[in-house]
Amino acid sequence: MTGLSDEELNVWHSIHAVLLLLPTALDRQLQRDSNISYLEYYVLAGLSELPERTGRLSDLAVLTNAELSRISHLIARLEKRGLVRRQPDPADGRYTNAVLTDPGWELVKAAAPGHTDAVRHLIFGGLDETARRALGQSMDRIVAALTRSGTDLPWPKSPHGDT
């Protein structure tokens, strides 16, 4: 990539490798331990954090960075498994909500510890407290630059420090 220094290029290659490898590693862990995909987990976990465990499909698409049609198909598969149900949005009937069912909630709770362990091992395992703090602050700065460029997060910013 022209224009980047050798150091910048090395860091960029590392970031790119993380973007490629991390979702695959997390997907493998979730499939192996809980029989759900990375995307399924994030949809279910996202719903679990919303009031009444209910969210619009369009918002879930933004949360997971997936096309609305992909989320709609995924919700249909989760619905067949009894993990979610669909219902019209009472605030605006043009939208469809997904509601996390009790079995879906139980699956999220059962999958969360293994997923947390995988994240802790893959991301934080080789970092001491200073490095973790620096990583959080660096990621916050990158997120701030991205949001200034017009790319917004679908959830509130987490406070790791100044951005």
N, C-alpha and C. Protein backbone atom coordinates (compact mmCIF):
# COMPACT_ATOMS: atom_id res chain seq x y z
N MET A 1 0.87 -1.16 0.00
CA MET A 1 0.00 0.00 0.00
C MET A 1 0.91 1.22 0.00
N THR A 2 0.87 1.98 -1.03
CA THR A 2 1.75 3.12 -1.12
C THR A 2 1.30 4.23 -0.19
N GLY A 3 2.25 5.00 0.29
CA GLY A 3 1.93 6.12 1.16
C GLY A 3 2.02 5.79 2.63
N LEU A 4 2.00 4.54 3.02
CA LEU A 4 2.14 4.17 4.42
C LEU A 4 3.60 3.88 4.73
N SER A 5 4.02 4.27 5.91
CA SER A 5 5.38 3.93 6.33
C SER A 5 5.44 2.42 6.57
N ASP A 6 6.64 1.89 6.71
CA ASP A 6 6.79 0.46 6.98
C ASP A 6 6.07 0.08 8.27
N GLU A 7 6.21 0.93 9.29
CA GLU A 7 5.55 0.65 10.56
C GLU A 7 4.03 0.68 10.41
N GLU A 8 3.50 1.69 9.70
CA GLU A 8 2.06 1.78 9.47
C GLU A 8 1.56 0.57 8.69
N LEU A 9 2.32 0.17 7.68
CA LEU A 9 1.93 -0.98 6.88
C LEU A 9 1.90 -2.26 7.71
N ASN A 10 2.87 -2.44 8.58
CA ASN A 10 2.89 -3.61 9.46
C ASN A 10 1.68 -3.61 10.40
N VAL A 11 1.37 -2.45 10.98
CA VAL A 11 0.21 -2.36 11.87
C VAL A 11 -1.07 -2.62 11.08
N TRP A 12 -1.17 -2.03 9.89
CA TRP A 12 -2.36 -2.26 9.07
C TRP A 12 -2.53 -3.74 8.75
N HIS A 13 -1.44 -4.43 8.40
CA HIS A 13 -1.52 -5.86 8.12
C HIS A 13 -2.00 -6.63 9.36
N SER A 14 -1.56 -6.22 10.54
CA SER A 14 -2.01 -6.87 11.78
C SER A 14 -3.49 -6.64 12.01
N ILE A 15 -3.94 -5.41 11.81
CA ILE A 15 -5.37 -5.10 11.97
C ILE A 15 -6.18 -5.92 10.98
N HIS A 16 -5.73 -5.95 9.74
CA HIS A 16 -6.45 -6.71 8.71
C HIS A 16 -6.52 -8.19 9.08
N ALA A 17 -5.43 -8.74 9.60
CA ALA A 17 -5.42 -10.15 10.01
C ALA A 17 -6.43 -10.38 11.14
N VAL A 18 -6.49 -9.47 12.10
CA VAL A 18 -7.47 -9.61 13.19
C VAL A 18 -8.89 -9.57 12.62
N LEU A 19 -9.16 -8.62 11.71
CA LEU A 19 -10.49 -8.53 11.12
C LEU A 19 -10.89 -9.81 10.39
N LEU A 20 -9.93 -10.48 9.79
CA LEU A 20 -10.20 -11.73 9.07
C LEU A 20 -10.30 -12.94 10.00
N LEU A 21 -9.38 -13.04 10.94
CA LEU A 21 -9.26 -14.26 11.75
C LEU A 21 -10.17 -14.30 12.96
N LEU A 22 -10.42 -13.17 13.61
CA LEU A 22 -11.19 -13.18 14.85
C LEU A 22 -12.61 -13.69 14.67
N PRO A 23 -13.37 -13.20 13.68
CA PRO A 23 -14.73 -13.73 13.52
C PRO A 23 -14.75 -15.25 13.28
N THR A 24 -13.78 -15.75 12.53
CA THR A 24 -13.71 -17.18 12.26
C THR A 24 -13.42 -17.96 13.53
N ALA A 25 -12.48 -17.48 14.33
CA ALA A 25 -12.14 -18.15 15.59
C ALA A 25 -13.33 -18.14 16.55
N LEU A 26 -14.02 -17.00 16.64
CA LEU A 26 -15.18 -16.92 17.53
C LEU A 26 -16.33 -17.78 17.02
N ASP A 27 -16.50 -17.84 15.70
CA ASP A 27 -17.53 -18.69 15.13
C ASP A 27 -17.27 -20.15 15.45
N ARG A 28 -16.02 -20.58 15.30
CA ARG A 28 -15.67 -21.98 15.60
C ARG A 28 -16.00 -22.32 17.05
N GLN A 29 -15.62 -21.42 17.97
CA GLN A 29 -15.88 -21.67 19.38
C GLN A 29 -17.37 -21.76 19.66
N LEU A 30 -18.14 -20.84 19.11
CA LEU A 30 -19.59 -20.84 19.35
C LEU A 30 -20.26 -22.06 18.72
N GLN A 31 -19.83 -22.43 17.52
CA GLN A 31 -20.38 -23.63 16.87
C GLN A 31 -20.07 -24.87 17.70
N ARG A 32 -18.83 -24.98 18.12
CA ARG A 32 -18.38 -26.16 18.87
C ARG A 32 -19.09 -26.26 20.22
N ASP A 33 -19.15 -25.17 20.95
CA ASP A 33 -19.65 -25.21 22.32
C ASP A 33 -21.16 -25.02 22.45
N SER A 34 -21.79 -24.30 21.51
CA SER A 34 -23.20 -23.94 21.68
C SER A 34 -24.06 -24.22 20.45
N ASN A 35 -23.45 -24.71 19.39
CA ASN A 35 -24.17 -25.03 18.16
C ASN A 35 -24.89 -23.81 17.58
N ILE A 36 -24.26 -22.65 17.68
CA ILE A 36 -24.76 -21.44 17.03
C ILE A 36 -23.60 -20.72 16.37
N SER A 37 -23.92 -19.96 15.35
CA SER A 37 -22.88 -19.21 14.64
C SER A 37 -22.60 -17.89 15.36
N TYR A 38 -21.50 -17.30 14.98
CA TYR A 38 -21.10 -15.99 15.49
C TYR A 38 -22.22 -14.97 15.24
N LEU A 39 -22.77 -14.95 14.04
CA LEU A 39 -23.83 -14.00 13.71
C LEU A 39 -25.09 -14.29 14.52
N GLU A 40 -25.45 -15.57 14.65
CA GLU A 40 -26.62 -15.91 15.46
C GLU A 40 -26.44 -15.46 16.90
N TYR A 41 -25.24 -15.70 17.44
CA TYR A 41 -24.97 -15.29 18.83
C TYR A 41 -25.14 -13.79 18.98
N TYR A 42 -24.57 -13.01 18.07
CA TYR A 42 -24.64 -11.56 18.22
C TYR A 42 -26.05 -11.02 18.04
N VAL A 43 -26.86 -11.66 17.23
CA VAL A 43 -28.26 -11.27 17.13
C VAL A 43 -28.97 -11.58 18.44
N LEU A 44 -28.79 -12.80 18.95
CA LEU A 44 -29.44 -13.18 20.20
C LEU A 44 -28.94 -12.34 21.38
N ALA A 45 -27.63 -12.15 21.44
CA ALA A 45 -27.06 -11.34 22.53
C ALA A 45 -27.52 -9.89 22.42
N GLY A 46 -27.59 -9.38 21.20
CA GLY A 46 -28.08 -8.01 21.01
C GLY A 46 -29.51 -7.87 21.49
N LEU A 47 -30.34 -8.83 21.16
CA LEU A 47 -31.73 -8.80 21.64
C LEU A 47 -31.78 -8.90 23.16
N SER A 48 -30.90 -9.70 23.74
CA SER A 48 -30.92 -9.89 25.20
C SER A 48 -30.64 -8.60 25.96
N GLU A 49 -29.98 -7.66 25.31
CA GLU A 49 -29.61 -6.40 25.97
C GLU A 49 -30.62 -5.29 25.74
N LEU A 50 -31.65 -5.56 24.95
CA LEU A 50 -32.65 -4.53 24.63
C LEU A 50 -33.84 -4.63 25.59
N PRO A 51 -34.54 -3.51 25.79
CA PRO A 51 -35.75 -3.55 26.62
C PRO A 51 -36.73 -4.59 26.07
N GLU A 52 -37.27 -5.39 26.97
CA GLU A 52 -38.21 -6.45 26.63
C GLU A 52 -37.62 -7.46 25.65
N ARG A 53 -36.28 -7.46 25.53
CA ARG A 53 -35.56 -8.37 24.63
C ARG A 53 -36.15 -8.33 23.22
N THR A 54 -36.45 -7.11 22.76
CA THR A 54 -37.14 -6.91 21.49
C THR A 54 -36.41 -5.86 20.67
N GLY A 55 -36.21 -6.12 19.39
CA GLY A 55 -35.57 -5.15 18.51
C GLY A 55 -36.03 -5.30 17.08
N ARG A 56 -35.98 -4.19 16.36
CA ARG A 56 -36.32 -4.20 14.94
C ARG A 56 -35.27 -4.97 14.15
N LEU A 57 -35.73 -5.69 13.16
CA LEU A 57 -34.80 -6.42 12.30
C LEU A 57 -33.81 -5.47 11.65
N SER A 58 -34.27 -4.29 11.26
CA SER A 58 -33.36 -3.33 10.62
C SER A 58 -32.26 -2.89 11.58
N ASP A 59 -32.58 -2.75 12.86
CA ASP A 59 -31.56 -2.38 13.85
C ASP A 59 -30.57 -3.53 14.08
N LEU A 60 -31.08 -4.76 14.05
CA LEU A 60 -30.19 -5.92 14.20
C LEU A 60 -29.25 -6.03 13.00
N ALA A 61 -29.72 -5.65 11.84
CA ALA A 61 -28.86 -5.65 10.65
C ALA A 61 -27.71 -4.66 10.83
N VAL A 62 -28.02 -3.50 11.37
CA VAL A 62 -26.97 -2.49 11.62
C VAL A 62 -26.02 -3.00 12.69
N LEU A 63 -26.55 -3.54 13.77
CA LEU A 63 -25.74 -4.04 14.88
C LEU A 63 -24.73 -5.09 14.42
N THR A 64 -25.15 -5.95 13.51
CA THR A 64 -24.31 -7.06 13.08
C THR A 64 -23.59 -6.78 11.76
N ASN A 65 -23.82 -5.60 11.19
CA ASN A 65 -23.21 -5.24 9.91
C ASN A 65 -23.57 -6.25 8.82
N ALA A 66 -24.83 -6.67 8.83
CA ALA A 66 -25.33 -7.63 7.84
C ALA A 66 -26.47 -6.99 7.06
N GLU A 67 -26.68 -7.46 5.86
CA GLU A 67 -27.79 -6.99 5.04
C GLU A 67 -29.11 -7.38 5.71
N LEU A 68 -30.13 -6.54 5.55
CA LEU A 68 -31.43 -6.81 6.14
C LEU A 68 -31.98 -8.16 5.67
N SER A 69 -31.78 -8.48 4.41
CA SER A 69 -32.28 -9.77 3.91
C SER A 69 -31.59 -10.94 4.61
N ARG A 70 -30.30 -10.80 4.89
CA ARG A 70 -29.58 -11.87 5.60
C ARG A 70 -30.13 -12.02 7.02
N ILE A 71 -30.39 -10.88 7.69
CA ILE A 71 -30.94 -10.93 9.05
C ILE A 71 -32.34 -11.53 9.02
N SER A 72 -33.12 -11.18 8.03
CA SER A 72 -34.47 -11.73 7.93
C SER A 72 -34.44 -13.24 7.79
N HIS A 73 -33.54 -13.76 6.96
CA HIS A 73 -33.39 -15.22 6.80
C HIS A 73 -32.88 -15.85 8.09
N LEU A 74 -31.94 -15.19 8.74
CA LEU A 74 -31.40 -15.71 9.99
C LEU A 74 -32.48 -15.75 11.07
N ILE A 75 -33.29 -14.70 11.16
CA ILE A 75 -34.39 -14.67 12.13
C ILE A 75 -35.38 -15.78 11.84
N ALA A 76 -35.65 -16.05 10.58
CA ALA A 76 -36.55 -17.15 10.22
C ALA A 76 -36.00 -18.49 10.72
N ARG A 77 -34.68 -18.69 10.57
CA ARG A 77 -34.07 -19.94 11.06
C ARG A 77 -34.13 -20.01 12.59
N LEU A 78 -33.84 -18.89 13.25
CA LEU A 78 -33.90 -18.86 14.72
C LEU A 78 -35.33 -19.05 15.21
N GLU A 79 -36.28 -18.53 14.46
CA GLU A 79 -37.69 -18.68 14.81
C GLU A 79 -38.10 -20.15 14.74
N LYS A 80 -37.63 -20.86 13.71
CA LYS A 80 -37.93 -22.29 13.57
C LYS A 80 -37.37 -23.09 14.74
N ARG A 81 -36.27 -22.60 15.31
CA ARG A 81 -35.65 -23.27 16.47
C ARG A 81 -36.28 -22.82 17.79
N GLY A 82 -37.23 -21.89 17.73
CA GLY A 82 -37.91 -21.42 18.93
C GLY A 82 -37.11 -20.43 19.75
N LEU A 83 -36.07 -19.85 19.16
CA LEU A 83 -35.19 -18.94 19.89
C LEU A 83 -35.66 -17.49 19.83
N VAL A 84 -36.41 -17.15 18.80
CA VAL A 84 -36.99 -15.81 18.65
C VAL A 84 -38.39 -15.97 18.06
N ARG A 85 -39.14 -14.89 18.14
CA ARG A 85 -40.41 -14.84 17.41
C ARG A 85 -40.47 -13.46 16.77
N ARG A 86 -41.19 -13.38 15.68
CA ARG A 86 -41.39 -12.11 14.98
C ARG A 86 -42.74 -11.55 15.37
N GLN A 87 -42.78 -10.21 15.38
CA GLN A 87 -44.07 -9.54 15.57
C GLN A 87 -43.97 -8.16 14.95
N PRO A 88 -45.09 -7.62 14.50
CA PRO A 88 -45.06 -6.26 13.97
C PRO A 88 -44.65 -5.28 15.06
N ASP A 89 -43.93 -4.24 14.67
CA ASP A 89 -43.54 -3.20 15.62
C ASP A 89 -44.78 -2.39 15.97
N PRO A 90 -45.19 -2.37 17.25
CA PRO A 90 -46.41 -1.65 17.61
C PRO A 90 -46.28 -0.13 17.39
N ALA A 91 -45.07 0.39 17.39
CA ALA A 91 -44.87 1.82 17.18
C ALA A 91 -44.97 2.19 15.70
N ASP A 92 -44.65 1.24 14.82
CA ASP A 92 -44.70 1.50 13.38
C ASP A 92 -44.82 0.17 12.65
N GLY A 93 -45.99 -0.14 12.19
CA GLY A 93 -46.29 -1.42 11.57
C GLY A 93 -45.49 -1.73 10.32
N ARG A 94 -44.77 -0.74 9.79
CA ARG A 94 -43.92 -1.01 8.62
C ARG A 94 -42.70 -1.84 8.99
N TYR A 95 -42.40 -1.89 10.28
CA TYR A 95 -41.22 -2.61 10.76
C TYR A 95 -41.63 -3.92 11.42
N THR A 96 -40.69 -4.85 11.41
CA THR A 96 -40.89 -6.13 12.09
C THR A 96 -39.88 -6.21 13.24
N ASN A 97 -40.37 -6.63 14.39
CA ASN A 97 -39.51 -6.83 15.55
C ASN A 97 -39.17 -8.31 15.69
N ALA A 98 -38.01 -8.56 16.25
CA ALA A 98 -37.64 -9.89 16.70
C ALA A 98 -37.68 -9.84 18.23
N VAL A 99 -38.25 -10.87 18.83
CA VAL A 99 -38.35 -10.96 20.28
C VAL A 99 -37.61 -12.23 20.72
N LEU A 100 -36.68 -12.06 21.62
CA LEU A 100 -35.94 -13.19 22.16
C LEU A 100 -36.87 -13.99 23.08
N THR A 101 -37.03 -15.26 22.78
CA THR A 101 -37.89 -16.12 23.60
C THR A 101 -37.11 -16.61 24.83
N ASP A 102 -37.80 -17.24 25.74
CA ASP A 102 -37.11 -17.80 26.91
C ASP A 102 -36.05 -18.82 26.51
N PRO A 103 -36.34 -19.75 25.57
CA PRO A 103 -35.27 -20.66 25.15
C PRO A 103 -34.08 -19.92 24.50
N GLY A 104 -34.36 -18.84 23.77
CA GLY A 104 -33.27 -18.03 23.20
C GLY A 104 -32.43 -17.38 24.28
N TRP A 105 -33.10 -16.87 25.30
CA TRP A 105 -32.41 -16.25 26.44
C TRP A 105 -31.55 -17.29 27.15
N GLU A 106 -32.08 -18.49 27.34
CA GLU A 106 -31.31 -19.55 27.99
C GLU A 106 -30.08 -19.92 27.16
N LEU A 107 -30.23 -19.93 25.85
CA LEU A 107 -29.08 -20.24 24.98
C LEU A 107 -28.01 -19.16 25.09
N VAL A 108 -28.42 -17.90 25.09
CA VAL A 108 -27.45 -16.81 25.23
C VAL A 108 -26.71 -16.93 26.57
N LYS A 109 -27.44 -17.17 27.63
CA LYS A 109 -26.82 -17.31 28.95
C LYS A 109 -25.86 -18.49 28.99
N ALA A 110 -26.23 -19.59 28.33
CA ALA A 110 -25.36 -20.76 28.32
C ALA A 110 -24.12 -20.55 27.45
N ALA A 111 -24.27 -19.82 26.34
CA ALA A 111 -23.16 -19.60 25.41
C ALA A 111 -22.20 -18.51 25.89
N ALA A 112 -22.69 -17.57 26.67
CA ALA A 112 -21.89 -16.40 27.06
C ALA A 112 -20.58 -16.74 27.77
N PRO A 113 -20.56 -17.65 28.75
CA PRO A 113 -19.27 -17.90 29.42
C PRO A 113 -18.18 -18.41 28.49
N GLY A 114 -18.51 -19.34 27.60
CA GLY A 114 -17.51 -19.84 26.66
C GLY A 114 -17.05 -18.77 25.69
N HIS A 115 -18.01 -17.96 25.25
CA HIS A 115 -17.66 -16.87 24.35
C HIS A 115 -16.77 -15.86 25.05
N THR A 116 -17.12 -15.53 26.29
CA THR A 116 -16.30 -14.60 27.08
C THR A 116 -14.89 -15.15 27.26
N ASP A 117 -14.79 -16.42 27.57
CA ASP A 117 -13.46 -17.04 27.71
C ASP A 117 -12.67 -16.95 26.41
N ALA A 118 -13.33 -17.20 25.28
CA ALA A 118 -12.64 -17.13 23.99
C ALA A 118 -12.16 -15.71 23.72
N VAL A 119 -13.00 -14.72 23.95
CA VAL A 119 -12.60 -13.32 23.75
C VAL A 119 -11.43 -12.98 24.68
N ARG A 120 -11.56 -13.38 25.94
CA ARG A 120 -10.49 -13.09 26.90
C ARG A 120 -9.18 -13.72 26.45
N HIS A 121 -9.23 -14.96 26.00
CA HIS A 121 -8.02 -15.65 25.57
C HIS A 121 -7.45 -15.04 24.29
N LEU A 122 -8.32 -14.86 23.27
CA LEU A 122 -7.84 -14.42 21.96
C LEU A 122 -7.41 -12.96 21.94
N ILE A 123 -8.10 -12.10 22.67
CA ILE A 123 -7.79 -10.67 22.62
C ILE A 123 -6.90 -10.23 23.78
N PHE A 124 -7.24 -10.64 24.97
CA PHE A 124 -6.58 -10.09 26.15
C PHE A 124 -5.53 -11.00 26.77
N GLY A 125 -5.46 -12.25 26.32
CA GLY A 125 -4.58 -13.23 26.94
C GLY A 125 -3.12 -12.83 27.00
N GLY A 126 -2.63 -12.18 25.99
CA GLY A 126 -1.22 -11.81 25.96
C GLY A 126 -0.95 -10.38 26.37
N LEU A 127 -1.95 -9.71 26.94
CA LEU A 127 -1.80 -8.29 27.28
C LEU A 127 -1.84 -8.09 28.78
N ASP A 128 -0.92 -7.25 29.27
CA ASP A 128 -1.02 -6.87 30.68
C ASP A 128 -1.98 -5.68 30.80
N GLU A 129 -2.19 -5.20 32.02
CA GLU A 129 -3.16 -4.14 32.25
C GLU A 129 -2.84 -2.88 31.43
N THR A 130 -1.58 -2.52 31.36
CA THR A 130 -1.19 -1.33 30.60
C THR A 130 -1.49 -1.50 29.12
N ALA A 131 -1.17 -2.66 28.58
CA ALA A 131 -1.43 -2.93 27.16
C ALA A 131 -2.93 -2.98 26.88
N ARG A 132 -3.72 -3.56 27.80
CA ARG A 132 -5.18 -3.59 27.62
C ARG A 132 -5.74 -2.18 27.59
N ARG A 133 -5.29 -1.35 28.51
CA ARG A 133 -5.76 0.03 28.55
C ARG A 133 -5.36 0.77 27.27
N ALA A 134 -4.14 0.57 26.82
CA ALA A 134 -3.66 1.22 25.60
C ALA A 134 -4.45 0.73 24.39
N LEU A 135 -4.74 -0.57 24.35
CA LEU A 135 -5.54 -1.10 23.24
C LEU A 135 -6.92 -0.47 23.24
N GLY A 136 -7.57 -0.40 24.41
CA GLY A 136 -8.89 0.21 24.51
C GLY A 136 -8.87 1.66 24.06
N GLN A 137 -7.87 2.40 24.50
CA GLN A 137 -7.78 3.82 24.12
C GLN A 137 -7.51 3.95 22.62
N SER A 138 -6.66 3.09 22.08
CA SER A 138 -6.38 3.14 20.64
C SER A 138 -7.63 2.81 19.84
N MET A 139 -8.35 1.79 20.25
CA MET A 139 -9.58 1.43 19.54
C MET A 139 -10.60 2.56 19.62
N ASP A 140 -10.70 3.21 20.78
CA ASP A 140 -11.62 4.35 20.92
C ASP A 140 -11.25 5.48 19.96
N ARG A 141 -9.97 5.73 19.80
CA ARG A 141 -9.53 6.78 18.87
C ARG A 141 -9.89 6.41 17.43
N ILE A 142 -9.70 5.15 17.08
CA ILE A 142 -10.04 4.70 15.73
C ILE A 142 -11.55 4.80 15.52
N VAL A 143 -12.33 4.36 16.50
CA VAL A 143 -13.79 4.45 16.40
C VAL A 143 -14.21 5.92 16.27
N ALA A 144 -13.59 6.79 17.04
CA ALA A 144 -13.93 8.22 16.95
C ALA A 144 -13.65 8.75 15.54
N ALA A 145 -12.52 8.37 14.95
CA ALA A 145 -12.20 8.81 13.59
C ALA A 145 -13.23 8.26 12.60
N LEU A 146 -13.63 7.03 12.79
CA LEU A 146 -14.64 6.43 11.90
C LEU A 146 -15.98 7.13 12.05
N THR A 147 -16.38 7.43 13.27
CA THR A 147 -17.68 8.09 13.46
C THR A 147 -17.63 9.53 12.93
N ARG A 148 -16.49 10.18 13.04
CA ARG A 148 -16.37 11.53 12.45
C ARG A 148 -16.49 11.47 10.94
N SER A 149 -16.13 10.33 10.35
CA SER A 149 -16.22 10.19 8.90
C SER A 149 -17.63 9.80 8.45
N GLY A 150 -18.54 9.66 9.41
CA GLY A 150 -19.93 9.37 9.07
C GLY A 150 -20.36 7.94 9.29
N THR A 151 -19.52 7.13 9.88
CA THR A 151 -19.86 5.75 10.19
C THR A 151 -20.17 5.66 11.67
N ASP A 152 -21.46 5.51 12.00
CA ASP A 152 -21.87 5.51 13.40
C ASP A 152 -22.01 4.11 13.95
N LEU A 153 -21.71 3.98 15.23
CA LEU A 153 -21.93 2.73 15.93
C LEU A 153 -23.41 2.56 16.24
N PRO A 154 -23.90 1.34 16.21
CA PRO A 154 -25.31 1.11 16.54
C PRO A 154 -25.54 0.95 18.04
N TRP A 155 -24.52 1.19 18.86
CA TRP A 155 -24.66 1.10 20.30
C TRP A 155 -23.86 2.23 20.93
N PRO A 156 -24.09 2.54 22.20
CA PRO A 156 -23.35 3.63 22.85
C PRO A 156 -21.87 3.32 22.94
N LYS A 157 -21.06 4.36 22.88
CA LYS A 157 -19.62 4.23 22.99
C LYS A 157 -19.24 3.78 24.40
N SER A 158 -18.25 2.92 24.50
CA SER A 158 -17.77 2.49 25.81
C SER A 158 -16.62 3.38 26.23
N PRO A 159 -16.56 3.73 27.51
CA PRO A 159 -15.53 4.67 27.97
C PRO A 159 -14.21 3.99 28.34
N HIS A 160 -13.26 3.94 27.40
CA HIS A 160 -11.93 3.42 27.71
C HIS A 160 -10.95 4.54 27.99
N GLY A 161 -11.35 5.73 27.77
CA GLY A 161 -10.46 6.87 27.96
C GLY A 161 -10.76 7.93 26.94
N ASP A 162 -9.87 8.89 26.86
CA ASP A 162 -10.05 9.99 25.92
C ASP A 162 -9.92 9.49 24.50
N THR A 163 -10.71 10.12 23.61
CA THR A 163 -10.60 9.78 22.19
C THR A 163 -10.12 10.97 21.41
